[in-house]
Structure formats: structure tokens, C-alpha cells
């Protein structure tokens, strides 16, 4: 019954790979946030130095 159920295999894949995907997503999101923050800080420094 379960051997021919594609939903079961999809759920099993999520259960197996979620512990790997969640930390990777958190790290990638943190890196993107740091890059945006650094860009904003650089723009503010440049704007303050000009005026």
C-alpha cells in the first residue's frame, strides 16, 4: 500500500532532507542580510562624506 504511494516518498524525502536544508537556508539568508547591511552602511558613509 505505501510502496506505491508517491506522497509517502515525497514526505519521506522532506523528513530526510529538512535537517540539511534548514541550516543551509539560514546561513544563506544571513549572508544576504550581511551583504545588504554592508552596502547600506557604505552608501551612508559615502553620503555623509560628500556633504
PDB file of N, CA and C in Angstrom:
ATOM      1  N   UNK A   1       0.828  -1.191   0.000  1.00  0.00           N
ATOM      2  CA  UNK A   1       0.000   0.000   0.000  1.00  0.00           C
ATOM      3  C   UNK A   1       0.872   1.254   0.000  1.00  0.00           C
ATOM      4  N   UNK A   2       1.825   1.346   0.927  1.00  0.00           N
ATOM      5  CA  UNK A   2       2.675   2.529   0.983  1.00  0.00           C
ATOM      6  C   UNK A   2       3.755   2.524  -0.093  1.00  0.00           C
ATOM      7  N   UNK A   3       4.103   1.339  -0.592  1.00  0.00           N
ATOM      8  CA  UNK A   3       5.200   1.264  -1.551  1.00  0.00           C
ATOM      9  C   UNK A   3       4.858   1.939  -2.880  1.00  0.00           C
ATOM     10  N   UNK A   4       3.585   2.066  -3.217  1.00  0.00           N
ATOM     11  CA  UNK A   4       3.198   2.694  -4.482  1.00  0.00           C
ATOM     12  C   UNK A   4       2.652   4.103  -4.283  1.00  0.00           C
ATOM     13  N   UNK A   5       2.804   4.663  -3.101  1.00  0.00           N
ATOM     14  CA  UNK A   5       2.238   5.974  -2.805  1.00  0.00           C
ATOM     15  C   UNK A   5       3.319   7.051  -2.982  1.00  0.00           C
ATOM     16  N   UNK A   6       3.221   7.890  -4.035  1.00  0.00           N
ATOM     17  CA  UNK A   6       4.249   8.914  -4.250  1.00  0.00           C
ATOM     18  C   UNK A   6       4.250   9.989  -3.164  1.00  0.00           C
ATOM     19  N   UNK A   7       3.098  10.248  -2.544  1.00  0.00           N
ATOM     20  CA  UNK A   7       3.042  11.235  -1.468  1.00  0.00           C
ATOM     21  C   UNK A   7       3.873  10.778  -0.280  1.00  0.00           C
ATOM     22  N   UNK A   8       3.860   9.481  -0.015  1.00  0.00           N
ATOM     23  CA  UNK A   8       4.658   8.933   1.086  1.00  0.00           C
ATOM     24  C   UNK A   8       6.142   9.175   0.834  1.00  0.00           C
ATOM     25  N   UNK A   9       6.593   8.926  -0.387  1.00  0.00           N
ATOM     26  CA  UNK A   9       8.011   9.133  -0.709  1.00  0.00           C
ATOM     27  C   UNK A   9       8.393  10.608  -0.668  1.00  0.00           C
ATOM     28  N   UNK A  10       7.492  11.479  -1.101  1.00  0.00           N
ATOM     29  CA  UNK A  10       7.761  12.916  -1.043  1.00  0.00           C
ATOM     30  C   UNK A  10       7.880  13.370   0.411  1.00  0.00           C
ATOM     31  N   UNK A  11       6.995  12.899   1.268  1.00  0.00           N
ATOM     32  CA  UNK A  11       7.062  13.238   2.698  1.00  0.00           C
ATOM     33  C   UNK A  11       8.341  12.683   3.309  1.00  0.00           C
ATOM     34  N   UNK A  12       8.706  11.482   2.929  1.00  0.00           N
ATOM     35  CA  UNK A  12       9.927  10.870   3.448  1.00  0.00           C
ATOM     36  C   UNK A  12      11.160  11.680   3.029  1.00  0.00           C
ATOM     37  N   UNK A  13      11.173  12.166   1.787  1.00  0.00           N
ATOM     38  CA  UNK A  13      12.294  12.990   1.325  1.00  0.00           C
ATOM     39  C   UNK A  13      12.391  14.273   2.130  1.00  0.00           C
ATOM     40  N   UNK A  14      11.246  14.927   2.409  1.00  0.00           N
ATOM     41  CA  UNK A  14      11.265  16.158   3.203  1.00  0.00           C
ATOM     42  C   UNK A  14      11.777  15.885   4.608  1.00  0.00           C
ATOM     43  N   UNK A  15      11.350  14.766   5.189  1.00  0.00           N
ATOM     44  CA  UNK A  15      11.793  14.421   6.543  1.00  0.00           C
ATOM     45  C   UNK A  15      13.297  14.166   6.558  1.00  0.00           C
ATOM     46  N   UNK A  16      13.812  13.535   5.509  1.00  0.00           N
ATOM     47  CA  UNK A  16      15.240  13.212   5.460  1.00  0.00           C
ATOM     48  C   UNK A  16      16.092  14.451   5.182  1.00  0.00           C
ATOM     49  N   UNK A  17      15.645  15.327   4.290  1.00  0.00           N
ATOM     50  CA  UNK A  17      16.496  16.428   3.842  1.00  0.00           C
ATOM     51  C   UNK A  17      16.236  17.750   4.551  1.00  0.00           C
ATOM     52  N   UNK A  18      15.150  17.875   5.308  1.00  0.00           N
ATOM     53  CA  UNK A  18      14.872  19.114   6.028  1.00  0.00           C
ATOM     54  C   UNK A  18      15.989  19.485   7.004  1.00  0.00           C
ATOM     55  N   UNK A  19      16.544  18.528   7.757  1.00  0.00           N
ATOM     56  CA  UNK A  19      17.642  18.906   8.664  1.00  0.00           C
ATOM     57  C   UNK A  19      18.865  19.452   7.932  1.00  0.00           C
ATOM     58  N   UNK A  20      19.019  19.135   6.672  1.00  0.00           N
ATOM     59  CA  UNK A  20      20.130  19.691   5.885  1.00  0.00           C
ATOM     60  C   UNK A  20      19.754  21.029   5.265  1.00  0.00           C
ATOM     61  N   UNK A  21      18.523  21.147   4.787  1.00  0.00           N
ATOM     62  CA  UNK A  21      18.108  22.342   4.068  1.00  0.00           C
ATOM     63  C   UNK A  21      17.909  23.547   4.984  1.00  0.00           C
ATOM     64  N   UNK A  22      17.363  23.336   6.158  1.00  0.00           N
ATOM     65  CA  UNK A  22      17.052  24.457   7.044  1.00  0.00           C
ATOM     66  C   UNK A  22      18.317  25.224   7.446  1.00  0.00           C
ATOM     67  N   UNK A  23      19.371  24.570   7.938  1.00  0.00           N
ATOM     68  CA  UNK A  23      20.581  25.338   8.279  1.00  0.00           C
ATOM     69  C   UNK A  23      21.221  26.014   7.073  1.00  0.00           C
ATOM     70  N   UNK A  24      21.173  25.365   5.918  1.00  0.00           N
ATOM     71  CA  UNK A  24      21.743  25.978   4.713  1.00  0.00           C
ATOM     72  C   UNK A  24      20.965  27.240   4.361  1.00  0.00           C
ATOM     73  N   UNK A  25      19.646  27.179   4.436  1.00  0.00           N
ATOM     74  CA  UNK A  25      18.818  28.355   4.140  1.00  0.00           C
ATOM     75  C   UNK A  25      19.081  29.475   5.139  1.00  0.00           C
ATOM     76  N   UNK A  26      19.244  29.131   6.411  1.00  0.00           N
ATOM     77  CA  UNK A  26      19.526  30.146   7.423  1.00  0.00           C
ATOM     78  C   UNK A  26      20.861  30.827   7.158  1.00  0.00           C
ATOM     79  N   UNK A  27      21.879  30.050   6.812  1.00  0.00           N
ATOM     80  CA  UNK A  27      23.204  30.617   6.544  1.00  0.00           C
ATOM     81  C   UNK A  27      23.158  31.508   5.308  1.00  0.00           C
ATOM     82  N   UNK A  28      22.512  31.052   4.249  1.00  0.00           N
ATOM     83  CA  UNK A  28      22.426  31.845   3.017  1.00  0.00           C
ATOM     84  C   UNK A  28      21.664  33.142   3.279  1.00  0.00           C
ATOM     85  N   UNK A  29      20.575  33.063   4.037  1.00  0.00           N
ATOM     86  CA  UNK A  29      19.819  34.263   4.368  1.00  0.00           C
ATOM     87  C   UNK A  29      20.627  35.235   5.201  1.00  0.00           C
ATOM     88  N   UNK A  30      21.416  34.708   6.139  1.00  0.00           N
ATOM     89  CA  UNK A  30      22.255  35.578   6.965  1.00  0.00           C
ATOM     90  C   UNK A  30      23.320  36.262   6.121  1.00  0.00           C
ATOM     91  N   UNK A  31      23.908  35.541   5.190  1.00  0.00           N
ATOM     92  CA  UNK A  31      24.937  36.132   4.320  1.00  0.00           C
ATOM     93  C   UNK A  31      24.327  37.242   3.465  1.00  0.00           C
ATOM     94  N   UNK A  32      23.143  36.999   2.921  1.00  0.00           N
ATOM     95  CA  UNK A  32      22.483  38.037   2.118  1.00  0.00           C
ATOM     96  C   UNK A  32      22.164  39.266   2.959  1.00  0.00           C
ATOM     97  N   UNK A  33      21.714  39.048   4.184  1.00  0.00           N
ATOM     98  CA  UNK A  33      21.423  40.169   5.074  1.00  0.00           C
ATOM     99  C   UNK A  33      22.662  40.977   5.400  1.00  0.00           C
ATOM    100  N   UNK A  34      23.764  40.301   5.630  1.00  0.00           N
ATOM    101  CA  UNK A  34      25.032  40.991   5.922  1.00  0.00           C
ATOM    102  C   UNK A  34      25.475  41.814   4.716  1.00  0.00           C
ATOM    103  N   UNK A  35      25.335  41.239   3.518  1.00  0.00           N
ATOM    104  CA  UNK A  35      25.731  41.969   2.317  1.00  0.00           C
ATOM    105  C   UNK A  35      24.872  43.220   2.127  1.00  0.00           C
ATOM    106  N   UNK A  36      23.560  43.101   2.337  1.00  0.00           N
ATOM    107  CA  UNK A  36      22.689  44.271   2.196  1.00  0.00           C
ATOM    108  C   UNK A  36      23.024  45.333   3.236  1.00  0.00           C
ATOM    109  N   UNK A  37      23.264  44.895   4.475  1.00  0.00           N
ATOM    110  CA  UNK A  37      23.593  45.837   5.534  1.00  0.00           C
ATOM    111  C   UNK A  37      24.908  46.550   5.229  1.00  0.00           C
ATOM    112  N   UNK A  38      25.911  45.800   4.767  1.00  0.00           N
ATOM    113  CA  UNK A  38      27.199  46.405   4.438  1.00  0.00           C
ATOM    114  C   UNK A  38      27.040  47.413   3.309  1.00  0.00           C
ATOM    115  N   UNK A  39      26.238  47.093   2.302  1.00  0.00           N
ATOM    116  CA  UNK A  39      26.000  48.025   1.205  1.00  0.00           C
ATOM    117  C   UNK A  39      25.330  49.295   1.683  1.00  0.00           C
ATOM    118  N   UNK A  40      24.369  49.164   2.577  1.00  0.00           N
ATOM    119  CA  UNK A  40      23.683  50.336   3.123  1.00  0.00           C
ATOM    120  C   UNK A  40      24.644  51.195   3.931  1.00  0.00           C
ATOM    121  N   UNK A  41      25.468  50.554   4.743  1.00  0.00           N
ATOM    122  CA  UNK A  41      26.438  51.300   5.563  1.00  0.00           C
ATOM    123  C   UNK A  41      27.424  52.044   4.672  1.00  0.00           C
ATOM    124  N   UNK A  42      27.895  51.407   3.626  1.00  0.00           N
ATOM    125  CA  UNK A  42      28.842  52.055   2.709  1.00  0.00           C
ATOM    126  C   UNK A  42      28.187  53.250   2.023  1.00  0.00           C
ATOM    127  N   UNK A  43      26.932  53.104   1.605  1.00  0.00           N
ATOM    128  CA  UNK A  43      26.217  54.215   0.982  1.00  0.00           C
ATOM    129  C   UNK A  43      26.056  55.373   1.961  1.00  0.00           C
ATOM    130  N   UNK A  44      25.753  55.077   3.214  1.00  0.00           N
ATOM    131  CA  UNK A  44      25.596  56.142   4.213  1.00  0.00           C
ATOM    132  C   UNK A  44      26.929  56.833   4.475  1.00  0.00           C
ATOM    133  N   UNK A  45      27.998  56.069   4.526  1.00  0.00           N
ATOM    134  CA  UNK A  45      29.323  56.670   4.745  1.00  0.00           C
ATOM    135  C   UNK A  45      29.671  57.583   3.574  1.00  0.00           C
ATOM    136  N   UNK A  46      29.413  57.112   2.356  1.00  0.00           N
ATOM    137  CA  UNK A  46      29.701  57.938   1.182  1.00  0.00           C
ATOM    138  C   UNK A  46      28.838  59.208   1.159  1.00  0.00           C
ATOM    139  N   UNK A  47      27.567  59.080   1.530  1.00  0.00           N
ATOM    140  CA  UNK A  47      26.684  60.248   1.532  1.00  0.00           C
ATOM    141  C   UNK A  47      27.118  61.259   2.596  1.00  0.00           C
ATOM    142  N   UNK A  48      27.554  60.792   3.732  1.00  0.00           N
ATOM    143  CA  UNK A  48      27.974  61.707   4.803  1.00  0.00           C
ATOM    144  C   UNK A  48      29.311  62.364   4.484  1.00  0.00           C
ATOM    145  N   UNK A  49      30.178  61.652   3.788  1.00  0.00           N
ATOM    146  CA  UNK A  49      31.477  62.227   3.480  1.00  0.00           C
ATOM    147  C   UNK A  49      31.368  63.283   2.387  1.00  0.00           C
ATOM    148  N   UNK A  50      30.384  63.185   1.520  1.00  0.00           N
ATOM    149  CA  UNK A  50      30.199  64.158   0.447  1.00  0.00           C
ATOM    150  C   UNK A  50      29.625  65.443   1.002  1.00  0.00           C
ATOM    151  N   UNK A  51      28.663  65.349   1.906  1.00  0.00           N
ATOM    152  CA  UNK A  51      28.007  66.557   2.411  1.00  0.00           C
ATOM    153  C   UNK A  51      28.714  67.140   3.626  1.00  0.00           C
TER     154      UNK A  51
END
